[in-house]
C-alpha atoms as a PDB file:
ATOM      1  CA  MET A   1      21.318   8.903 -20.076  1.00  0.00           C
ATOM      2  CA  THR A   2      21.085   9.060 -23.965  1.00  0.00           C
ATOM      3  CA  LYS A   3      18.695   6.097 -25.325  1.00  0.00           C
ATOM      4  CA  PRO A   4      20.660   3.775 -27.186  1.00  0.00           C
ATOM      5  CA  THR A   5      19.800   3.094 -30.876  1.00  0.00           C
ATOM      6  CA  PRO A   6      17.727  -0.292 -31.343  1.00  0.00           C
ATOM      7  CA  LEU A   7      19.231  -2.933 -32.745  1.00  0.00           C
ATOM      8  CA  GLU A   8      18.219  -3.338 -36.500  1.00  0.00           C
ATOM      9  CA  PHE A   9      17.796  -6.265 -38.509  1.00  0.00           C
ATOM     10  CA  ASN A  10      20.341  -7.373 -40.979  1.00  0.00           C
ATOM     11  CA  GLN A  11      23.129  -5.126 -39.478  1.00  0.00           C
ATOM     12  CA  TYR A  12      26.303  -6.494 -37.832  1.00  0.00           C
ATOM     13  CA  TYR A  13      27.403  -5.357 -34.400  1.00  0.00           C
ATOM     14  CA  HIS A  14      30.145  -5.186 -32.322  1.00  0.00           C
ATOM     15  CA  ILE A  15      28.262  -5.719 -28.918  1.00  0.00           C
ATOM     16  CA  TYR A  16      30.034  -5.507 -25.577  1.00  0.00           C
ATOM     17  CA  ASN A  17      29.339  -5.066 -21.939  1.00  0.00           C
ATOM     18  CA  ARG A  18      30.733  -5.199 -18.543  1.00  0.00           C
ATOM     19  CA  GLY A  19      29.656  -5.792 -14.705  1.00  0.00           C
ATOM     20  CA  ASN A  20      27.966  -2.805 -13.001  1.00  0.00           C
ATOM     21  CA  ASN A  21      30.578  -0.886 -10.972  1.00  0.00           C
ATOM     22  CA  ARG A  22      33.070  -3.223 -12.764  1.00  0.00           C
ATOM     23  CA  GLU A  23      32.086  -6.345 -10.704  1.00  0.00           C
ATOM     24  CA  ASN A  24      32.970  -9.562 -12.239  1.00  0.00           C
ATOM     25  CA  LEU A  25      30.260 -11.321 -14.438  1.00  0.00           C
ATOM     26  CA  PHE A  26      32.210 -14.540 -13.990  1.00  0.00           C
ATOM     27  CA  ARG A  27      33.569 -15.813 -11.145  1.00  0.00           C
ATOM     28  CA  LYS A  28      34.021 -19.511 -11.800  1.00  0.00           C
ATOM     29  CA  PRO A  29      34.270 -21.845 -15.084  1.00  0.00           C
ATOM     30  CA  ASP A  30      30.509 -22.931 -14.535  1.00  0.00           C
ATOM     31  CA  ASN A  31      29.333 -19.150 -14.884  1.00  0.00           C
ATOM     32  CA  TYR A  32      31.072 -18.807 -18.141  1.00  0.00           C
ATOM     33  CA  HIS A  33      29.334 -22.182 -19.371  1.00  0.00           C
ATOM     34  CA  TYR A  34      25.905 -21.118 -18.336  1.00  0.00           C
ATOM     35  CA  PHE A  35      26.371 -17.796 -19.725  1.00  0.00           C
ATOM     36  CA  LEU A  36      26.968 -19.611 -23.168  1.00  0.00           C
ATOM     37  CA  LYS A  37      24.246 -21.773 -22.540  1.00  0.00           C
ATOM     38  CA  LEU A  38      21.870 -18.805 -22.003  1.00  0.00           C
ATOM     39  CA  TYR A  39      23.518 -17.486 -24.986  1.00  0.00           C
ATOM     40  CA  THR A  40      22.167 -20.273 -27.093  1.00  0.00           C
ATOM     41  CA  LYS A  41      18.491 -20.048 -25.872  1.00  0.00           C
ATOM     42  CA  HIS A  42      18.029 -16.301 -25.899  1.00  0.00           C
ATOM     43  CA  ILE A  43      20.441 -15.005 -28.540  1.00  0.00           C
ATOM     44  CA  SER A  44      21.454 -17.903 -31.185  1.00  0.00           C
ATOM     45  CA  PRO A  45      17.903 -17.801 -32.700  1.00  0.00           C
ATOM     46  CA  ILE A  46      17.979 -14.303 -33.675  1.00  0.00           C
ATOM     47  CA  THR A  47      21.655 -13.645 -34.407  1.00  0.00           C
ATOM     48  CA  ASP A  48      24.742 -15.133 -36.460  1.00  0.00           C
ATOM     49  CA  THR A  49      27.494 -15.152 -34.140  1.00  0.00           C
ATOM     50  CA  PHE A  50      31.113 -14.929 -35.870  1.00  0.00           C
ATOM     51  CA  ALA A  51      33.095 -14.449 -32.966  1.00  0.00           C
ATOM     52  CA  TYR A  52      33.124 -13.706 -29.036  1.00  0.00           C
ATOM     53  CA  CYS A  53      35.169 -13.514 -26.058  1.00  0.00           C
ATOM     54  CA  LEU A  54      34.444 -13.764 -22.423  1.00  0.00           C
ATOM     55  CA  LEU A  55      36.443 -12.233 -19.601  1.00  0.00           C
ATOM     56  CA  PRO A  56      35.746 -12.015 -15.634  1.00  0.00           C
ATOM     57  CA  ASN A  57      34.220  -8.590 -15.716  1.00  0.00           C
ATOM     58  CA  HIS A  58      33.283  -7.869 -19.413  1.00  0.00           C
ATOM     59  CA  PHE A  59      32.681  -9.644 -22.969  1.00  0.00           C
ATOM     60  CA  HIS A  60      32.750  -8.897 -26.688  1.00  0.00           C
ATOM     61  CA  LEU A  61      30.357 -10.224 -29.027  1.00  0.00           C
ATOM     62  CA  LEU A  62      30.199  -9.994 -33.143  1.00  0.00           C
ATOM     63  CA  VAL A  63      27.108 -10.799 -34.526  1.00  0.00           C
ATOM     64  CA  ARG A  64      24.633 -10.139 -37.334  1.00  0.00           C
ATOM     65  CA  ILE A  65      20.946  -9.613 -36.441  1.00  0.00           C
ATOM     66  CA  LYS A  66      18.952 -12.027 -38.456  1.00  0.00           C
ATOM     67  CA  SER A  67      15.927 -10.645 -40.419  1.00  0.00           C
ATOM     68  CA  PRO A  68      12.452 -11.451 -39.214  1.00  0.00           C
ATOM     69  CA  ASP A  69      12.191 -14.519 -41.545  1.00  0.00           C
ATOM     70  CA  GLU A  70      15.376 -15.861 -40.855  1.00  0.00           C
ATOM     71  CA  GLN A  71      14.506 -15.994 -36.812  1.00  0.00           C
ATOM     72  CA  ASP A  72      14.380 -19.377 -35.329  1.00  0.00           C
ATOM     73  CA  LEU A  73      11.122 -18.696 -33.548  1.00  0.00           C
ATOM     74  CA  THR A  74      10.489 -22.714 -33.067  1.00  0.00           C
ATOM     75  CA  SER A  75      13.245 -22.668 -30.318  1.00  0.00           C
ATOM     76  CA  PHE A  76      11.108 -20.019 -27.919  1.00  0.00           C
ATOM     77  CA  GLN A  77       8.728 -21.864 -25.811  1.00  0.00           C
ATOM     78  CA  ASN A  78       5.998 -19.193 -26.086  1.00  0.00           C
ATOM     79  CA  LEU A  79       5.723 -18.628 -29.848  1.00  0.00           C
ATOM     80  CA  SER A  80       3.486 -15.892 -29.519  1.00  0.00           C
ATOM     81  CA  GLY A  81       1.940 -16.217 -32.680  1.00  0.00           C
ATOM     82  CA  LEU A  82       5.291 -16.807 -34.329  1.00  0.00           C
ATOM     83  CA  LYS A  83       6.091 -13.059 -34.373  1.00  0.00           C
ATOM     84  CA  PRO A  84       9.550 -11.715 -35.030  1.00  0.00           C
ATOM     85  CA  ARG A  85      11.555 -11.298 -31.828  1.00  0.00           C
ATOM     86  CA  ASN A  86      12.579  -7.704 -30.789  1.00  0.00           C
ATOM     87  CA  PRO A  87      16.417  -8.261 -30.704  1.00  0.00           C
ATOM     88  CA  SER A  88      17.111  -5.217 -28.304  1.00  0.00           C
ATOM     89  CA  GLN A  89      14.380  -7.142 -25.819  1.00  0.00           C
ATOM     90  CA  GLN A  90      15.877 -10.480 -26.603  1.00  0.00           C
ATOM     91  CA  PHE A  91      19.332  -9.155 -25.417  1.00  0.00           C
ATOM     92  CA  SER A  92      17.514  -7.823 -22.595  1.00  0.00           C
ATOM     93  CA  ASN A  93      16.174 -11.203 -21.791  1.00  0.00           C
ATOM     94  CA  PHE A  94      19.346 -12.754 -21.838  1.00  0.00           C
ATOM     95  CA  PHE A  95      21.185 -10.362 -19.556  1.00  0.00           C
ATOM     96  CA  ASN A  96      18.155 -10.578 -16.955  1.00  0.00           C
ATOM     97  CA  ALA A  97      17.987 -14.415 -16.790  1.00  0.00           C
ATOM     98  CA  TYR A  98      21.717 -14.723 -16.317  1.00  0.00           C
ATOM     99  CA  THR A  99      21.542 -11.861 -13.558  1.00  0.00           C
ATOM    100  CA  LYS A 100      18.976 -13.883 -11.765  1.00  0.00           C
ATOM    101  CA  ALA A 101      20.965 -17.024 -11.884  1.00  0.00           C
ATOM    102  CA  ILE A 102      23.969 -15.250 -10.300  1.00  0.00           C
ATOM    103  CA  ASN A 103      22.132 -13.432  -7.742  1.00  0.00           C
ATOM    104  CA  LYS A 104      20.552 -16.646  -6.843  1.00  0.00           C
ATOM    105  CA  ALA A 105      24.040 -18.468  -6.710  1.00  0.00           C
ATOM    106  CA  TYR A 106      25.930 -15.984  -4.789  1.00  0.00           C
ATOM    107  CA  ASN A 107      23.346 -14.234  -2.653  1.00  0.00           C
ATOM    108  CA  ARG A 108      23.341 -10.821  -4.302  1.00  0.00           C
ATOM    109  CA  THR A 109      20.883  -8.575  -5.583  1.00  0.00           C
ATOM    110  CA  GLY A 110      20.169  -5.722  -7.803  1.00  0.00           C
ATOM    111  CA  ALA A 111      21.738  -5.189 -11.503  1.00  0.00           C
ATOM    112  CA  LEU A 112      24.663  -7.286 -12.554  1.00  0.00           C
ATOM    113  CA  PHE A 113      25.389  -5.648 -15.938  1.00  0.00           C
ATOM    114  CA  GLN A 114      26.077  -2.023 -16.943  1.00  0.00           C
ATOM    115  CA  ARG A 115      23.011  -0.360 -18.707  1.00  0.00           C
ATOM    116  CA  PRO A 116      22.724  -0.039 -21.782  1.00  0.00           C
ATOM    117  CA  PHE A 117      24.833  -2.431 -23.331  1.00  0.00           C
ATOM    118  CA  GLY A 118      27.350  -1.457 -26.005  1.00  0.00           C
ATOM    119  CA  ARG A 119      26.558  -1.964 -29.739  1.00  0.00           C
ATOM    120  CA  ILE A 120      28.359  -0.356 -32.446  1.00  0.00           C
ATOM    121  CA  PRO A 121      27.529  -0.990 -36.115  1.00  0.00           C
ATOM    122  CA  VAL A 122      30.059  -3.108 -38.206  1.00  0.00           C
ATOM    123  CA  THR A 123      29.890  -1.625 -41.712  1.00  0.00           C
ATOM    124  CA  SER A 124      32.863  -2.483 -43.624  1.00  0.00           C
ATOM    125  CA  ASP A 125      35.092  -6.053 -44.447  1.00  0.00           C
ATOM    126  CA  ALA A 126      38.039  -4.215 -43.015  1.00  0.00           C
ATOM    127  CA  TYR A 127      36.537  -3.613 -39.747  1.00  0.00           C
ATOM    128  CA  PHE A 128      35.083  -7.051 -39.307  1.00  0.00           C
ATOM    129  CA  VAL A 129      38.555  -8.556 -39.870  1.00  0.00           C
ATOM    130  CA  GLN A 130      40.167  -6.374 -37.299  1.00  0.00           C
ATOM    131  CA  LEU A 131      37.535  -6.733 -34.795  1.00  0.00           C
ATOM    132  CA  VAL A 132      37.658 -10.695 -34.899  1.00  0.00           C
ATOM    133  CA  ILE A 133      41.477 -10.123 -34.167  1.00  0.00           C
ATOM    134  CA  TYR A 134      40.799  -7.561 -31.450  1.00  0.00           C
ATOM    135  CA  ILE A 135      38.174  -9.846 -29.758  1.00  0.00           C
ATOM    136  CA  HIS A 136      40.208 -12.595 -29.587  1.00  0.00           C
ATOM    137  CA  GLN A 137      43.329 -10.849 -28.203  1.00  0.00           C
ATOM    138  CA  ASN A 138      41.344  -9.272 -25.441  1.00  0.00           C
ATOM    139  CA  PRO A 139      42.680 -11.802 -22.836  1.00  0.00           C
ATOM    140  CA  GLN A 140      46.313 -11.142 -23.641  1.00  0.00           C
ATOM    141  CA  LYS A 141      45.636  -7.384 -23.978  1.00  0.00           C
ATOM    142  CA  HIS A 142      44.445  -7.366 -20.299  1.00  0.00           C
ATOM    143  CA  GLY A 143      47.287  -9.478 -19.015  1.00  0.00           C
ATOM    144  CA  LEU A 144      44.899 -12.540 -18.010  1.00  0.00           C
ATOM    145  CA  ILE A 145      47.091 -14.941 -20.210  1.00  0.00           C
ATOM    146  CA  ASP A 146      50.206 -14.948 -22.025  1.00  0.00           C
ATOM    147  CA  ASP A 147      48.904 -16.202 -25.126  1.00  0.00           C
ATOM    148  CA  PHE A 148      45.440 -15.146 -26.244  1.00  0.00           C
ATOM    149  CA  ARG A 149      45.284 -18.709 -28.294  1.00  0.00           C
ATOM    150  CA  GLU A 150      45.113 -20.551 -25.070  1.00  0.00           C
ATOM    151  CA  TRP A 151      42.172 -18.676 -23.369  1.00  0.00           C
ATOM    152  CA  PRO A 152      39.424 -21.035 -23.153  1.00  0.00           C
ATOM    153  CA  TYR A 153      36.187 -18.750 -23.304  1.00  0.00           C
ATOM    154  CA  SER A 154      36.714 -17.315 -26.840  1.00  0.00           C
ATOM    155  CA  SER A 155      35.630 -18.229 -30.166  1.00  0.00           C
ATOM    156  CA  TYR A 156      39.319 -18.473 -31.299  1.00  0.00           C
ATOM    157  CA  ARG A 157      39.881 -22.312 -31.166  1.00  0.00           C
ATOM    158  CA  ALA A 158      36.493 -23.336 -32.356  1.00  0.00           C
ATOM    159  CA  LEU A 159      36.914 -21.191 -35.544  1.00  0.00           C
ATOM    160  CA  PHE A 160      40.145 -23.748 -36.367  1.00  0.00           C
ATOM    161  CA  SER A 161      38.322 -26.901 -35.106  1.00  0.00           C
ATOM    162  CA  ASP A 162      36.574 -29.156 -37.324  1.00  0.00           C
ATOM    163  CA  LYS A 163      33.833 -29.750 -34.552  1.00  0.00           C
ATOM    164  CA  PRO A 164      30.423 -28.837 -34.725  1.00  0.00           C
ATOM    165  CA  THR A 165      29.598 -25.296 -33.691  1.00  0.00           C
ATOM    166  CA  ARG A 166      27.094 -22.718 -33.801  1.00  0.00           C
ATOM    167  CA  LEU A 167      29.607 -20.094 -35.210  1.00  0.00           C
ATOM    168  CA  LYS A 168      29.439 -19.048 -38.491  1.00  0.00           C
ATOM    169  CA  ARG A 169      32.995 -20.360 -39.035  1.00  0.00           C
ATOM    170  CA  ASP A 170      32.866 -20.769 -42.829  1.00  0.00           C
ATOM    171  CA  ILE A 171      31.950 -17.182 -43.186  1.00  0.00           C
ATOM    172  CA  VAL A 172      34.813 -15.939 -40.786  1.00  0.00           C
ATOM    173  CA  LEU A 173      37.422 -17.862 -42.491  1.00  0.00           C
ATOM    174  CA  ASN A 174      36.180 -16.741 -45.934  1.00  0.00           C
ATOM    175  CA  TRP A 175      36.655 -13.201 -44.635  1.00  0.00           C
ATOM    176  CA  PHE A 176      40.241 -13.880 -43.764  1.00  0.00           C
ATOM    177  CA  ASP A 177      40.874 -15.867 -46.968  1.00  0.00           C
ATOM    178  CA  GLY A 178      41.434 -19.077 -44.881  1.00  0.00           C
ATOM    179  CA  PRO A 179      42.896 -20.283 -41.776  1.00  0.00           C
ATOM    180  CA  ARG A 180      46.430 -19.693 -42.514  1.00  0.00           C
ATOM    181  CA  GLN A 181      45.615 -16.250 -43.399  1.00  0.00           C
ATOM    182  CA  MET A 182      43.543 -15.842 -40.324  1.00  0.00           C
ATOM    183  CA  GLU A 183      46.415 -17.368 -38.193  1.00  0.00           C
ATOM    184  CA  ARG A 184      48.918 -15.073 -39.711  1.00  0.00           C
ATOM    185  CA  LEU A 185      46.854 -11.792 -39.032  1.00  0.00           C
ATOM    186  CA  HIS A 186      46.128 -12.574 -35.564  1.00  0.00           C
ATOM    187  CA  ARG A 187      49.822 -12.864 -35.054  1.00  0.00           C
ATOM    188  CA  ARG A 188      50.404  -9.513 -36.551  1.00  0.00           C
ATOM    189  CA  GLY A 189      47.789  -8.018 -34.440  1.00  0.00           C
ATOM    190  CA  VAL A 190      45.093  -5.058 -34.991  1.00  0.00           C
ATOM    191  CA  ASN A 191      45.536  -2.030 -36.436  1.00  0.00           C
ATOM    192  CA  GLU A 192      44.594   0.531 -33.681  1.00  0.00           C
ATOM    193  CA  ALA A 193      43.898   3.290 -36.035  1.00  0.00           C
ATOM    194  CA  GLN A 194      41.653   1.566 -38.130  1.00  0.00           C
ATOM    195  CA  LEU A 195      39.694  -0.246 -35.191  1.00  0.00           C
ATOM    196  CA  GLU A 196      39.255   2.728 -32.997  1.00  0.00           C
ATOM    197  CA  PRO A 197      35.833   3.375 -34.424  1.00  0.00           C
ATOM    198  CA  LEU A 198      34.606  -0.106 -33.487  1.00  0.00           C
ATOM    199  CA  ILE A 199      36.086  -0.094 -29.789  1.00  0.00           C
ATOM    200  CA  PHE A 200      34.626   3.124 -28.651  1.00  0.00           C
ATOM    201  CA  GLU A 201      35.621   2.152 -25.194  1.00  0.00           C
ATOM    202  CA  ASP A 202      37.856  -0.429 -23.680  1.00  0.00           C
ATOM    203  CA  PHE A 203      37.484  -2.317 -20.345  1.00  0.00           C
ATOM    204  CA  ASP A 204      39.796  -2.897 -17.538  1.00  0.00           C
END
């Protein structure tokens, strides 16, 4: 197995993963909520998050890895001299924490996530916009719901809300030139040829 390239500071990424042997990561609503709670603890301090979608057996994220001086080190219990956190290791810690909770809850053993987790750099404005749409449309694409806008475990509705959020909502809306244009482009769908380098593989 080829060793993945470590996550780099100040880089935008499409990060994705699925259950080991296609096993479900989320079995009931509480699992989705706990995953997001752990995400806030382990990942939010080291990333800006622009979009996400959680599906029963896989997930997608669009993030930027913060620079060392941007990291919120005070959120970690063990400050270790306030040294910047290794982003790749932090994602590993996150996945391990969720796996331990699921293993305990469902009396299972072993790895829950496929290894290594997927990471593809996002290097242009066009890819950013297309990837946000792709991530939000994933539940409909996989036949989980008739209208992706109604899926409760994605960032779509939060980006249109005025409620407080950890998402970088203003940045996303700005990239789409406002909420009306964002809604219109979501209805139109993705440009498959343009997005292919950022999908790499799809999950069923």
